[in-house]
Amino acid sequence: MVAVALVLGGCSATESSSPSAPVTTSAAPETKATYIERRQAVIPVTNGDGLVAAAGAVWVKTDDGRVVRIDPATNRVTGEIKIDTTSDENQYCQGIGADSSGLWACATADDGTGVAQIDPNTRRIVRRVAVGKVFDQLTLPLANRGLWVLTSNGTQASVVESGTAKVTGYPLGARCLQLAAKDDFVVATSSTEGKVIALDATSGAVTAQASLPAPRIAVLASTGVWVDTDDGLTHLTGELAVRTVYRNLRAGAGGDLVAAGDTIFVRAPDGTITKIEPNTGRVVEQITPDEPLTAGSLLVAFGSLWTTSSDEGTVTRLRLA
């Protein structure tokens, strides 16, 4: 199996064409389960949104400007950090990420939207970086070089370098809303312009582009690039050529898409979670909530699935199969 970062070696900065016959599937799951069968805990977190695992805990970014810690051993909230400093309580932003250096979360201030680095052990803010982050970038991905953030109204991908916090921006040629990053590979998506754009994280050069219908969230795995689109979940090569389209399987504006190793999970807007085994292309399982949930994020960590539902003010923990 060829890693994504290696696949990109021969790309040029031109729009990729899809294979002559990409595979399509109806995405019918092999097995089904319910939240009732899998539920381990329901944890109250008001306005909970993005999720990340770091330093032995699950961390939730809330829409009211907090980062909340959940202890997976007890399924209890064990602390929180207020990171927004803006005087306008209606101003907030989305986004959380983590690496070995700690947590990063979107943080609003009176002078604009930035990011804050948090020490998860002391639960203190290490630094704030005023990058002018796009409001609704949902994930703050970290790769070899540092933290990647959409800036300049989404027309640039900017890296906040690890250690120095130096910010360097690279033009995308389109207005993008979401980012994914892995090793030396970055992918930006523009749902409004129908573009997926790949960058070399070392140089910032655009290495490939593709046109897809309303591409939203993207994730990266060694099997390639996975993007939520209006056609359905779309699996692309590292050069952004379409391999498979899973019809009727969408995260949509209120759902999420995550890669856990090489396994792909899709959270639909109503909370339904679908598991895909990408090496075989099989849609192996679907887990349905008791009642439809509102918009939320998804995380695979500590042997469980975790999903937020902001309007209900909950984080639900579900057992993996």
C-alpha atoms as a PDB file:
ATOM      1  CA  MET A   1       0.000   0.000   0.000  1.00  0.00           C
ATOM      2  CA  VAL A   2       1.399   3.369  -1.036  1.00  0.00           C
ATOM      3  CA  ALA A   3       1.181   6.213   1.471  1.00  0.00           C
ATOM      4  CA  VAL A   4      -0.558   9.367   0.348  1.00  0.00           C
ATOM      5  CA  ALA A   5       2.522  11.529   0.803  1.00  0.00           C
ATOM      6  CA  LEU A   6       4.469   9.261  -1.550  1.00  0.00           C
ATOM      7  CA  VAL A   7       1.716   9.036  -4.142  1.00  0.00           C
ATOM      8  CA  LEU A   8       1.858  12.774  -4.655  1.00  0.00           C
ATOM      9  CA  GLY A   9       5.436  12.820  -5.813  1.00  0.00           C
ATOM     10  CA  GLY A  10       4.637  13.051  -9.515  1.00  0.00           C
ATOM     11  CA  CYS A  11       1.719  15.474  -9.391  1.00  0.00           C
ATOM     12  CA  SER A  12       1.682  18.731 -11.280  1.00  0.00           C
ATOM     13  CA  ALA A  13      -0.420  21.769 -10.462  1.00  0.00           C
ATOM     14  CA  THR A  14      -3.085  20.936 -13.024  1.00  0.00           C
ATOM     15  CA  GLU A  15      -6.621  19.691 -12.657  1.00  0.00           C
ATOM     16  CA  SER A  16      -6.749  15.923 -12.351  1.00  0.00           C
ATOM     17  CA  SER A  17      -9.008  13.842 -14.520  1.00  0.00           C
ATOM     18  CA  SER A  18     -10.941  10.956 -13.024  1.00  0.00           C
ATOM     19  CA  PRO A  19     -10.419   7.344 -14.150  1.00  0.00           C
ATOM     20  CA  SER A  20     -12.670   6.401 -17.072  1.00  0.00           C
ATOM     21  CA  ALA A  21     -14.872   4.218 -14.867  1.00  0.00           C
ATOM     22  CA  PRO A  22     -14.846   5.137 -11.179  1.00  0.00           C
ATOM     23  CA  VAL A  23     -16.740   2.657  -9.016  1.00  0.00           C
ATOM     24  CA  THR A  24     -20.082   3.687  -7.541  1.00  0.00           C
ATOM     25  CA  THR A  25     -21.968   1.936  -4.765  1.00  0.00           C
ATOM     26  CA  SER A  26     -25.259   2.388  -2.946  1.00  0.00           C
ATOM     27  CA  ALA A  27     -23.438   2.210   0.422  1.00  0.00           C
ATOM     28  CA  ALA A  28     -25.812  -0.389   1.877  1.00  0.00           C
ATOM     29  CA  PRO A  29     -24.311  -1.553   5.219  1.00  0.00           C
ATOM     30  CA  GLU A  30     -23.572  -5.222   5.878  1.00  0.00           C
ATOM     31  CA  THR A  31     -24.750  -4.969   9.495  1.00  0.00           C
ATOM     32  CA  LYS A  32     -26.820  -2.533  11.526  1.00  0.00           C
ATOM     33  CA  ALA A  33     -26.857  -1.537  15.180  1.00  0.00           C
ATOM     34  CA  THR A  34     -28.475   1.123  17.355  1.00  0.00           C
ATOM     35  CA  TYR A  35     -27.235   3.649  19.858  1.00  0.00           C
ATOM     36  CA  ILE A  36     -29.132   1.736  22.561  1.00  0.00           C
ATOM     37  CA  GLU A  37     -27.067  -1.393  21.877  1.00  0.00           C
ATOM     38  CA  ARG A  38     -23.752   0.492  21.881  1.00  0.00           C
ATOM     39  CA  ARG A  39     -24.268   3.359  24.305  1.00  0.00           C
ATOM     40  CA  GLN A  40     -21.684   3.619  27.096  1.00  0.00           C
ATOM     41  CA  ALA A  41     -22.445   7.108  28.376  1.00  0.00           C
ATOM     42  CA  VAL A  42     -24.196  10.393  27.643  1.00  0.00           C
ATOM     43  CA  ILE A  43     -22.178  13.299  29.031  1.00  0.00           C
ATOM     44  CA  PRO A  44     -23.646  16.807  29.370  1.00  0.00           C
ATOM     45  CA  VAL A  45     -21.562  19.450  27.551  1.00  0.00           C
ATOM     46  CA  THR A  46     -23.455  22.607  26.679  1.00  0.00           C
ATOM     47  CA  ASN A  47     -22.847  23.832  23.100  1.00  0.00           C
ATOM     48  CA  GLY A  48     -20.363  21.007  22.425  1.00  0.00           C
ATOM     49  CA  ASP A  49     -18.936  20.924  18.906  1.00  0.00           C
ATOM     50  CA  GLY A  50     -15.477  19.714  17.797  1.00  0.00           C
ATOM     51  CA  LEU A  51     -13.712  16.743  19.419  1.00  0.00           C
ATOM     52  CA  VAL A  52     -10.101  15.625  19.797  1.00  0.00           C
ATOM     53  CA  ALA A  53      -8.162  13.144  21.945  1.00  0.00           C
ATOM     54  CA  ALA A  54      -4.968  14.237  23.719  1.00  0.00           C
ATOM     55  CA  ALA A  55      -3.055  13.558  26.947  1.00  0.00           C
ATOM     56  CA  GLY A  56      -5.325  10.711  28.039  1.00  0.00           C
ATOM     57  CA  ALA A  57      -8.583  12.632  27.665  1.00  0.00           C
ATOM     58  CA  VAL A  58     -11.285  13.705  25.223  1.00  0.00           C
ATOM     59  CA  TRP A  59     -11.485  17.461  24.633  1.00  0.00           C
ATOM     60  CA  VAL A  60     -14.562  19.285  23.361  1.00  0.00           C
ATOM     61  CA  LYS A  61     -14.549  22.729  21.736  1.00  0.00           C
ATOM     62  CA  THR A  62     -17.791  24.527  22.554  1.00  0.00           C
ATOM     63  CA  ASP A  63     -19.498  27.223  20.546  1.00  0.00           C
ATOM     64  CA  ASP A  64     -19.465  29.528  23.563  1.00  0.00           C
ATOM     65  CA  GLY A  65     -15.674  29.664  23.635  1.00  0.00           C
ATOM     66  CA  ARG A  66     -14.614  26.892  26.027  1.00  0.00           C
ATOM     67  CA  VAL A  67     -12.483  23.763  25.773  1.00  0.00           C
ATOM     68  CA  VAL A  68     -13.924  21.027  28.015  1.00  0.00           C
ATOM     69  CA  ARG A  69     -12.019  17.968  29.299  1.00  0.00           C
ATOM     70  CA  ILE A  70     -13.732  14.559  29.595  1.00  0.00           C
ATOM     71  CA  ASP A  71     -12.047  11.734  31.502  1.00  0.00           C
ATOM     72  CA  PRO A  72     -12.659   8.525  29.488  1.00  0.00           C
ATOM     73  CA  ALA A  73     -12.128   6.391  32.607  1.00  0.00           C
ATOM     74  CA  THR A  74     -15.116   7.938  34.377  1.00  0.00           C
ATOM     75  CA  ASN A  75     -17.066   9.562  31.522  1.00  0.00           C
ATOM     76  CA  ARG A  76     -17.156  12.789  33.518  1.00  0.00           C
ATOM     77  CA  VAL A  77     -16.229  16.385  32.757  1.00  0.00           C
ATOM     78  CA  THR A  78     -13.102  17.122  34.785  1.00  0.00           C
ATOM     79  CA  GLY A  79     -12.288  20.681  33.787  1.00  0.00           C
ATOM     80  CA  GLU A  80     -12.626  23.438  31.230  1.00  0.00           C
ATOM     81  CA  ILE A  81     -10.672  26.358  29.821  1.00  0.00           C
ATOM     82  CA  LYS A  82     -12.215  29.612  28.628  1.00  0.00           C
ATOM     83  CA  ILE A  83     -10.322  30.656  25.512  1.00  0.00           C
ATOM     84  CA  ASP A  84     -12.433  33.393  23.923  1.00  0.00           C
ATOM     85  CA  THR A  85     -11.580  36.933  25.012  1.00  0.00           C
ATOM     86  CA  THR A  86     -13.924  38.886  22.744  1.00  0.00           C
ATOM     87  CA  SER A  87     -16.278  41.362  24.400  1.00  0.00           C
ATOM     88  CA  ASP A  88     -19.029  40.323  21.936  1.00  0.00           C
ATOM     89  CA  GLU A  89     -20.590  37.155  23.363  1.00  0.00           C
ATOM     90  CA  ASN A  90     -22.230  36.429  20.001  1.00  0.00           C
ATOM     91  CA  GLN A  91     -18.853  36.156  18.265  1.00  0.00           C
ATOM     92  CA  TYR A  92     -17.414  32.649  18.273  1.00  0.00           C
ATOM     93  CA  CYS A  93     -15.616  30.224  15.992  1.00  0.00           C
ATOM     94  CA  GLN A  94     -15.137  26.511  15.445  1.00  0.00           C
ATOM     95  CA  GLY A  95     -12.079  24.263  15.354  1.00  0.00           C
ATOM     96  CA  ILE A  96      -9.873  22.082  17.543  1.00  0.00           C
ATOM     97  CA  GLY A  97      -6.788  19.927  16.967  1.00  0.00           C
ATOM     98  CA  ALA A  98      -3.949  18.224  18.824  1.00  0.00           C
ATOM     99  CA  ASP A  99      -0.432  16.906  18.422  1.00  0.00           C
ATOM    100  CA  SER A 100       2.484  15.989  20.683  1.00  0.00           C
ATOM    101  CA  SER A 101       2.979  19.668  21.579  1.00  0.00           C
ATOM    102  CA  GLY A 102      -0.524  20.014  22.991  1.00  0.00           C
ATOM    103  CA  LEU A 103      -3.980  21.239  22.059  1.00  0.00           C
ATOM    104  CA  TRP A 104      -4.922  23.956  19.615  1.00  0.00           C
ATOM    105  CA  ALA A 105      -8.345  25.570  19.482  1.00  0.00           C
ATOM    106  CA  CYS A 106      -9.986  28.430  17.671  1.00  0.00           C
ATOM    107  CA  ALA A 107     -10.127  31.538  19.884  1.00  0.00           C
ATOM    108  CA  THR A 108     -11.930  34.793  19.180  1.00  0.00           C
ATOM    109  CA  ALA A 109     -10.709  38.188  20.365  1.00  0.00           C
ATOM    110  CA  ASP A 110     -11.735  41.778  19.775  1.00  0.00           C
ATOM    111  CA  ASP A 111      -9.004  42.093  17.138  1.00  0.00           C
ATOM    112  CA  GLY A 112     -10.113  39.021  15.160  1.00  0.00           C
ATOM    113  CA  THR A 113     -10.184  35.239  15.060  1.00  0.00           C
ATOM    114  CA  GLY A 114      -7.039  33.394  16.048  1.00  0.00           C
ATOM    115  CA  VAL A 115      -5.899  30.111  17.544  1.00  0.00           C
ATOM    116  CA  ALA A 116      -4.743  29.281  21.053  1.00  0.00           C
ATOM    117  CA  GLN A 117      -2.209  26.616  22.045  1.00  0.00           C
ATOM    118  CA  ILE A 118      -3.129  24.867  25.315  1.00  0.00           C
ATOM    119  CA  ASP A 119      -1.016  22.713  27.611  1.00  0.00           C
ATOM    120  CA  PRO A 120      -3.403  19.805  28.347  1.00  0.00           C
ATOM    121  CA  ASN A 121      -1.591  18.899  31.567  1.00  0.00           C
ATOM    122  CA  THR A 122      -1.721  22.333  33.216  1.00  0.00           C
ATOM    123  CA  ARG A 123      -4.814  23.421  31.238  1.00  0.00           C
ATOM    124  CA  ARG A 124      -3.224  26.768  30.623  1.00  0.00           C
ATOM    125  CA  ILE A 125      -2.958  28.747  27.404  1.00  0.00           C
ATOM    126  CA  VAL A 126       0.641  28.651  26.163  1.00  0.00           C
ATOM    127  CA  ARG A 127       0.240  31.228  23.402  1.00  0.00           C
ATOM    128  CA  ARG A 128      -2.281  32.939  21.187  1.00  0.00           C
ATOM    129  CA  VAL A 129      -1.669  33.455  17.479  1.00  0.00           C
ATOM    130  CA  ALA A 130      -3.754  36.068  15.616  1.00  0.00           C
ATOM    131  CA  VAL A 131      -3.996  34.412  12.218  1.00  0.00           C
ATOM    132  CA  GLY A 132      -7.415  35.598  11.045  1.00  0.00           C
ATOM    133  CA  LYS A 133      -8.817  32.062  10.872  1.00  0.00           C
ATOM    134  CA  VAL A 134     -11.896  31.263   8.806  1.00  0.00           C
ATOM    135  CA  PHE A 135     -14.822  31.087  11.221  1.00  0.00           C
ATOM    136  CA  ASP A 136     -16.195  27.649  10.309  1.00  0.00           C
ATOM    137  CA  GLN A 137     -13.057  25.610   9.641  1.00  0.00           C
ATOM    138  CA  LEU A 138     -14.114  22.607  11.727  1.00  0.00           C
ATOM    139  CA  THR A 139     -10.817  20.772  12.182  1.00  0.00           C
ATOM    140  CA  LEU A 140      -7.401  22.233  12.962  1.00  0.00           C
ATOM    141  CA  PRO A 141      -5.093  19.647  11.353  1.00  0.00           C
ATOM    142  CA  LEU A 142      -1.471  19.257  12.409  1.00  0.00           C
ATOM    143  CA  ALA A 143       1.155  17.803  10.094  1.00  0.00           C
ATOM    144  CA  ASN A 144       4.947  17.606  10.141  1.00  0.00           C
ATOM    145  CA  ARG A 145       5.461  21.344   9.810  1.00  0.00           C
ATOM    146  CA  GLY A 146       2.793  22.572  12.210  1.00  0.00           C
ATOM    147  CA  LEU A 147      -0.840  23.652  12.455  1.00  0.00           C
ATOM    148  CA  TRP A 148      -2.745  24.423   9.247  1.00  0.00           C
ATOM    149  CA  VAL A 149      -5.381  27.152   9.202  1.00  0.00           C
ATOM    150  CA  LEU A 150      -7.478  28.757   6.468  1.00  0.00           C
ATOM    151  CA  THR A 151      -6.879  32.517   6.378  1.00  0.00           C
ATOM    152  CA  SER A 152      -7.518  35.545   4.127  1.00  0.00           C
ATOM    153  CA  ASN A 153     -11.209  34.679   3.911  1.00  0.00           C
ATOM    154  CA  GLY A 154     -10.301  31.112   2.933  1.00  0.00           C
ATOM    155  CA  THR A 155      -8.099  31.985  -0.033  1.00  0.00           C
ATOM    156  CA  GLN A 156      -4.889  30.993   1.776  1.00  0.00           C
ATOM    157  CA  ALA A 157      -3.715  27.935   3.679  1.00  0.00           C
ATOM    158  CA  SER A 158      -1.438  29.149   6.461  1.00  0.00           C
ATOM    159  CA  VAL A 159       0.886  27.075   8.612  1.00  0.00           C
ATOM    160  CA  VAL A 160       1.610  28.003  12.224  1.00  0.00           C
ATOM    161  CA  GLU A 161       5.012  26.393  12.640  1.00  0.00           C
ATOM    162  CA  SER A 162       5.633  24.193  15.654  1.00  0.00           C
ATOM    163  CA  GLY A 163       7.861  25.784  18.285  1.00  0.00           C
ATOM    164  CA  THR A 164       8.177  29.265  16.794  1.00  0.00           C
ATOM    165  CA  ALA A 165       4.498  29.898  15.900  1.00  0.00           C
ATOM    166  CA  LYS A 166       5.728  31.623  12.723  1.00  0.00           C
ATOM    167  CA  VAL A 167       2.848  31.985  10.263  1.00  0.00           C
ATOM    168  CA  THR A 168       3.341  31.470   6.522  1.00  0.00           C
ATOM    169  CA  GLY A 169       0.452  31.645   4.052  1.00  0.00           C
ATOM    170  CA  TYR A 170       0.108  30.004   0.637  1.00  0.00           C
ATOM    171  CA  PRO A 171      -2.485  31.017  -2.005  1.00  0.00           C
ATOM    172  CA  LEU A 172      -5.119  28.427  -2.949  1.00  0.00           C
ATOM    173  CA  GLY A 173      -6.675  30.069  -5.989  1.00  0.00           C
ATOM    174  CA  ALA A 174     -10.154  29.479  -4.533  1.00  0.00           C
ATOM    175  CA  ARG A 175     -12.099  30.342  -1.386  1.00  0.00           C
ATOM    176  CA  CYS A 176     -12.012  27.249   0.811  1.00  0.00           C
ATOM    177  CA  LEU A 177     -13.805  26.351   4.049  1.00  0.00           C
ATOM    178  CA  GLN A 178     -12.143  23.131   5.269  1.00  0.00           C
ATOM    179  CA  LEU A 179      -8.635  21.655   5.528  1.00  0.00           C
ATOM    180  CA  ALA A 180      -7.068  18.249   6.092  1.00  0.00           C
ATOM    181  CA  ALA A 181      -3.360  17.526   6.618  1.00  0.00           C
ATOM    182  CA  LYS A 182      -1.136  14.490   7.078  1.00  0.00           C
ATOM    183  CA  ASP A 183       2.668  14.328   7.039  1.00  0.00           C
ATOM    184  CA  ASP A 184       3.702  16.606   4.136  1.00  0.00           C
ATOM    185  CA  PHE A 185       0.320  16.653   2.394  1.00  0.00           C
ATOM    186  CA  VAL A 186      -2.485  19.232   2.762  1.00  0.00           C
ATOM    187  CA  VAL A 187      -5.926  19.210   1.128  1.00  0.00           C
ATOM    188  CA  ALA A 188      -8.308  22.172   1.004  1.00  0.00           C
ATOM    189  CA  THR A 189     -11.955  21.991  -0.056  1.00  0.00           C
ATOM    190  CA  SER A 190     -14.226  24.657  -1.492  1.00  0.00           C
ATOM    191  CA  SER A 191     -17.905  23.727  -1.383  1.00  0.00           C
ATOM    192  CA  THR A 192     -18.905  27.014  -3.014  1.00  0.00           C
ATOM    193  CA  GLU A 193     -16.507  26.685  -5.967  1.00  0.00           C
ATOM    194  CA  GLY A 194     -16.569  22.874  -6.249  1.00  0.00           C
ATOM    195  CA  LYS A 195     -12.808  22.486  -5.858  1.00  0.00           C
ATOM    196  CA  VAL A 196     -10.466  20.107  -4.037  1.00  0.00           C
ATOM    197  CA  ILE A 197      -6.890  21.407  -3.902  1.00  0.00           C
ATOM    198  CA  ALA A 198      -3.788  19.485  -2.799  1.00  0.00           C
ATOM    199  CA  LEU A 199      -0.640  21.199  -1.510  1.00  0.00           C
ATOM    200  CA  ASP A 200       2.886  20.129  -0.724  1.00  0.00           C
ATOM    201  CA  ALA A 201       3.145  21.095   2.956  1.00  0.00           C
ATOM    202  CA  THR A 202       6.893  21.710   2.676  1.00  0.00           C
ATOM    203  CA  SER A 203       6.809  24.216  -0.175  1.00  0.00           C
ATOM    204  CA  GLY A 204       3.172  25.289  -0.127  1.00  0.00           C
ATOM    205  CA  ALA A 205       2.919  24.568  -3.867  1.00  0.00           C
ATOM    206  CA  VAL A 206      -0.373  23.355  -5.312  1.00  0.00           C
ATOM    207  CA  THR A 207       0.251  19.830  -6.620  1.00  0.00           C
ATOM    208  CA  ALA A 208      -3.187  18.782  -7.874  1.00  0.00           C
ATOM    209  CA  GLN A 209      -6.738  20.036  -8.277  1.00  0.00           C
ATOM    210  CA  ALA A 210     -10.081  18.354  -8.939  1.00  0.00           C
ATOM    211  CA  SER A 211     -13.654  19.480  -9.496  1.00  0.00           C
ATOM    212  CA  LEU A 212     -16.332  17.792  -7.363  1.00  0.00           C
ATOM    213  CA  PRO A 213     -19.916  18.749  -6.495  1.00  0.00           C
ATOM    214  CA  ALA A 214     -19.841  20.784  -3.260  1.00  0.00           C
ATOM    215  CA  PRO A 215     -16.864  19.123  -1.530  1.00  0.00           C
ATOM    216  CA  ARG A 216     -17.021  19.681   2.219  1.00  0.00           C
ATOM    217  CA  ILE A 217     -14.991  17.849   4.880  1.00  0.00           C
ATOM    218  CA  ALA A 218     -11.950  15.827   3.760  1.00  0.00           C
ATOM    219  CA  VAL A 219      -9.806  13.286   5.616  1.00  0.00           C
ATOM    220  CA  LEU A 220      -6.536  11.625   4.651  1.00  0.00           C
ATOM    221  CA  ALA A 221      -5.531   7.979   5.008  1.00  0.00           C
ATOM    222  CA  SER A 222      -2.875   5.795   3.428  1.00  0.00           C
ATOM    223  CA  THR A 223      -5.583   4.660   0.987  1.00  0.00           C
ATOM    224  CA  GLY A 224      -6.014   8.194  -0.357  1.00  0.00           C
ATOM    225  CA  VAL A 225      -8.252  11.224   0.109  1.00  0.00           C
ATOM    226  CA  TRP A 226     -11.867  10.921   1.298  1.00  0.00           C
ATOM    227  CA  VAL A 227     -14.243  13.837   0.709  1.00  0.00           C
ATOM    228  CA  ASP A 228     -17.889  14.435   1.618  1.00  0.00           C
ATOM    229  CA  THR A 229     -19.678  15.722  -1.517  1.00  0.00           C
ATOM    230  CA  ASP A 230     -23.197  16.178  -2.863  1.00  0.00           C
ATOM    231  CA  ASP A 231     -22.672  13.011  -4.924  1.00  0.00           C
ATOM    232  CA  GLY A 232     -21.877  11.089  -1.746  1.00  0.00           C
ATOM    233  CA  LEU A 233     -18.696  10.123   0.069  1.00  0.00           C
ATOM    234  CA  THR A 234     -15.965  10.200  -2.578  1.00  0.00           C
ATOM    235  CA  HIS A 235     -12.669   8.296  -2.408  1.00  0.00           C
ATOM    236  CA  LEU A 236      -9.823   9.837  -4.429  1.00  0.00           C
ATOM    237  CA  THR A 237      -6.217   8.944  -5.081  1.00  0.00           C
ATOM    238  CA  GLY A 238      -3.408  11.156  -3.849  1.00  0.00           C
ATOM    239  CA  GLU A 239      -3.485  12.817  -7.270  1.00  0.00           C
ATOM    240  CA  LEU A 240      -7.207  13.578  -6.681  1.00  0.00           C
ATOM    241  CA  ALA A 241      -8.569  11.178  -9.281  1.00  0.00           C
ATOM    242  CA  VAL A 242     -11.909   9.638  -8.285  1.00  0.00           C
ATOM    243  CA  ARG A 243     -11.784   5.956  -7.302  1.00  0.00           C
ATOM    244  CA  THR A 244     -15.153   5.298  -5.635  1.00  0.00           C
ATOM    245  CA  VAL A 245     -18.358   7.220  -4.926  1.00  0.00           C
ATOM    246  CA  TYR A 246     -20.604   5.980  -2.111  1.00  0.00           C
ATOM    247  CA  ARG A 247     -24.036   7.174  -3.185  1.00  0.00           C
ATOM    248  CA  ASN A 248     -26.495   8.299  -0.489  1.00  0.00           C
ATOM    249  CA  LEU A 249     -23.737   8.447   2.135  1.00  0.00           C
ATOM    250  CA  ARG A 250     -23.118  12.036   3.204  1.00  0.00           C
ATOM    251  CA  ALA A 251     -21.934  13.924   6.237  1.00  0.00           C
ATOM    252  CA  GLY A 252     -23.589  17.101   5.025  1.00  0.00           C
ATOM    253  CA  ALA A 253     -23.394  20.458   6.761  1.00  0.00           C
ATOM    254  CA  GLY A 254     -24.310  18.986  10.161  1.00  0.00           C
ATOM    255  CA  GLY A 255     -22.207  15.826  10.148  1.00  0.00           C
ATOM    256  CA  ASP A 256     -18.580  14.752  10.258  1.00  0.00           C
ATOM    257  CA  LEU A 257     -16.009  12.541   8.556  1.00  0.00           C
ATOM    258  CA  VAL A 258     -13.055  10.925  10.340  1.00  0.00           C
ATOM    259  CA  ALA A 259     -10.261   8.464   9.563  1.00  0.00           C
ATOM    260  CA  ALA A 260      -9.183   6.091  12.331  1.00  0.00           C
ATOM    261  CA  GLY A 261      -6.122   4.404  10.896  1.00  0.00           C
ATOM    262  CA  ASP A 262      -7.392   3.236   7.520  1.00  0.00           C
ATOM    263  CA  THR A 263     -11.014   2.908   8.633  1.00  0.00           C
ATOM    264  CA  ILE A 264     -13.410   5.674   7.605  1.00  0.00           C
ATOM    265  CA  PHE A 265     -16.399   6.771   9.679  1.00  0.00           C
ATOM    266  CA  VAL A 266     -19.158   9.082   8.455  1.00  0.00           C
ATOM    267  CA  ARG A 267     -21.533  10.849  10.848  1.00  0.00           C
ATOM    268  CA  ALA A 268     -24.720  11.974   9.107  1.00  0.00           C
ATOM    269  CA  PRO A 269     -26.544  15.166  10.182  1.00  0.00           C
ATOM    270  CA  ASP A 270     -29.037  13.059  12.189  1.00  0.00           C
ATOM    271  CA  GLY A 271     -26.264  11.238  14.088  1.00  0.00           C
ATOM    272  CA  THR A 272     -26.233   8.010  12.051  1.00  0.00           C
ATOM    273  CA  ILE A 273     -22.668   6.636  11.944  1.00  0.00           C
ATOM    274  CA  THR A 274     -21.429   4.497   9.038  1.00  0.00           C
ATOM    275  CA  LYS A 275     -18.179   2.522   9.031  1.00  0.00           C
ATOM    276  CA  ILE A 276     -16.223   1.784   5.843  1.00  0.00           C
ATOM    277  CA  GLU A 277     -13.336  -0.640   5.425  1.00  0.00           C
ATOM    278  CA  PRO A 278     -11.397   1.171   2.677  1.00  0.00           C
ATOM    279  CA  ASN A 279      -9.019  -1.649   1.798  1.00  0.00           C
ATOM    280  CA  THR A 280     -11.982  -3.668   0.523  1.00  0.00           C
ATOM    281  CA  GLY A 281     -14.439  -0.847  -0.105  1.00  0.00           C
ATOM    282  CA  ARG A 282     -17.023  -2.569   2.116  1.00  0.00           C
ATOM    283  CA  VAL A 283     -19.588  -0.571   4.056  1.00  0.00           C
ATOM    284  CA  VAL A 284     -19.415  -2.817   7.088  1.00  0.00           C
ATOM    285  CA  GLU A 285     -21.727  -1.224   9.646  1.00  0.00           C
ATOM    286  CA  GLN A 286     -24.257   1.488  10.371  1.00  0.00           C
ATOM    287  CA  ILE A 287     -25.255   2.700  13.868  1.00  0.00           C
ATOM    288  CA  THR A 288     -28.535   4.604  14.162  1.00  0.00           C
ATOM    289  CA  PRO A 289     -29.549   6.932  17.033  1.00  0.00           C
ATOM    290  CA  ASP A 290     -32.737   6.286  19.026  1.00  0.00           C
ATOM    291  CA  GLU A 291     -34.025   9.707  17.950  1.00  0.00           C
ATOM    292  CA  PRO A 292     -32.429  11.969  15.321  1.00  0.00           C
ATOM    293  CA  LEU A 293     -29.685  14.163  16.740  1.00  0.00           C
ATOM    294  CA  THR A 294     -28.755  17.690  15.757  1.00  0.00           C
ATOM    295  CA  ALA A 295     -25.456  18.731  14.176  1.00  0.00           C
ATOM    296  CA  GLY A 296     -22.284  17.419  15.749  1.00  0.00           C
ATOM    297  CA  SER A 297     -18.757  16.090  15.382  1.00  0.00           C
ATOM    298  CA  LEU A 298     -17.278  12.578  15.608  1.00  0.00           C
ATOM    299  CA  LEU A 299     -14.170  11.097  17.232  1.00  0.00           C
ATOM    300  CA  VAL A 300     -12.738   7.579  17.482  1.00  0.00           C
ATOM    301  CA  ALA A 301     -10.666   7.230  20.659  1.00  0.00           C
ATOM    302  CA  PHE A 302     -10.225   5.065  23.764  1.00  0.00           C
ATOM    303  CA  GLY A 303     -11.969   2.111  22.123  1.00  0.00           C
ATOM    304  CA  SER A 304     -15.145   4.101  21.474  1.00  0.00           C
ATOM    305  CA  LEU A 305     -17.009   6.402  19.148  1.00  0.00           C
ATOM    306  CA  TRP A 306     -17.735   9.864  20.585  1.00  0.00           C
ATOM    307  CA  THR A 307     -20.215  12.274  19.034  1.00  0.00           C
ATOM    308  CA  THR A 308     -21.459  15.706  20.047  1.00  0.00           C
ATOM    309  CA  SER A 309     -24.929  17.099  19.568  1.00  0.00           C
ATOM    310  CA  SER A 310     -24.765  20.830  20.162  1.00  0.00           C
ATOM    311  CA  ASP A 311     -28.476  21.594  20.477  1.00  0.00           C
ATOM    312  CA  GLU A 312     -29.029  18.719  22.917  1.00  0.00           C
ATOM    313  CA  GLY A 313     -25.888  19.703  24.828  1.00  0.00           C
ATOM    314  CA  THR A 314     -24.523  16.159  24.949  1.00  0.00           C
ATOM    315  CA  VAL A 315     -21.516  14.027  24.105  1.00  0.00           C
ATOM    316  CA  THR A 316     -22.525  10.406  23.467  1.00  0.00           C
ATOM    317  CA  ARG A 317     -20.008   7.580  23.867  1.00  0.00           C
ATOM    318  CA  LEU A 318     -20.635   4.400  21.862  1.00  0.00           C
ATOM    319  CA  ARG A 319     -18.864   1.064  22.003  1.00  0.00           C
ATOM    320  CA  LEU A 320     -17.033   0.003  18.862  1.00  0.00           C
ATOM    321  CA  ALA A 321     -18.052  -3.371  17.445  1.00  0.00           C
END
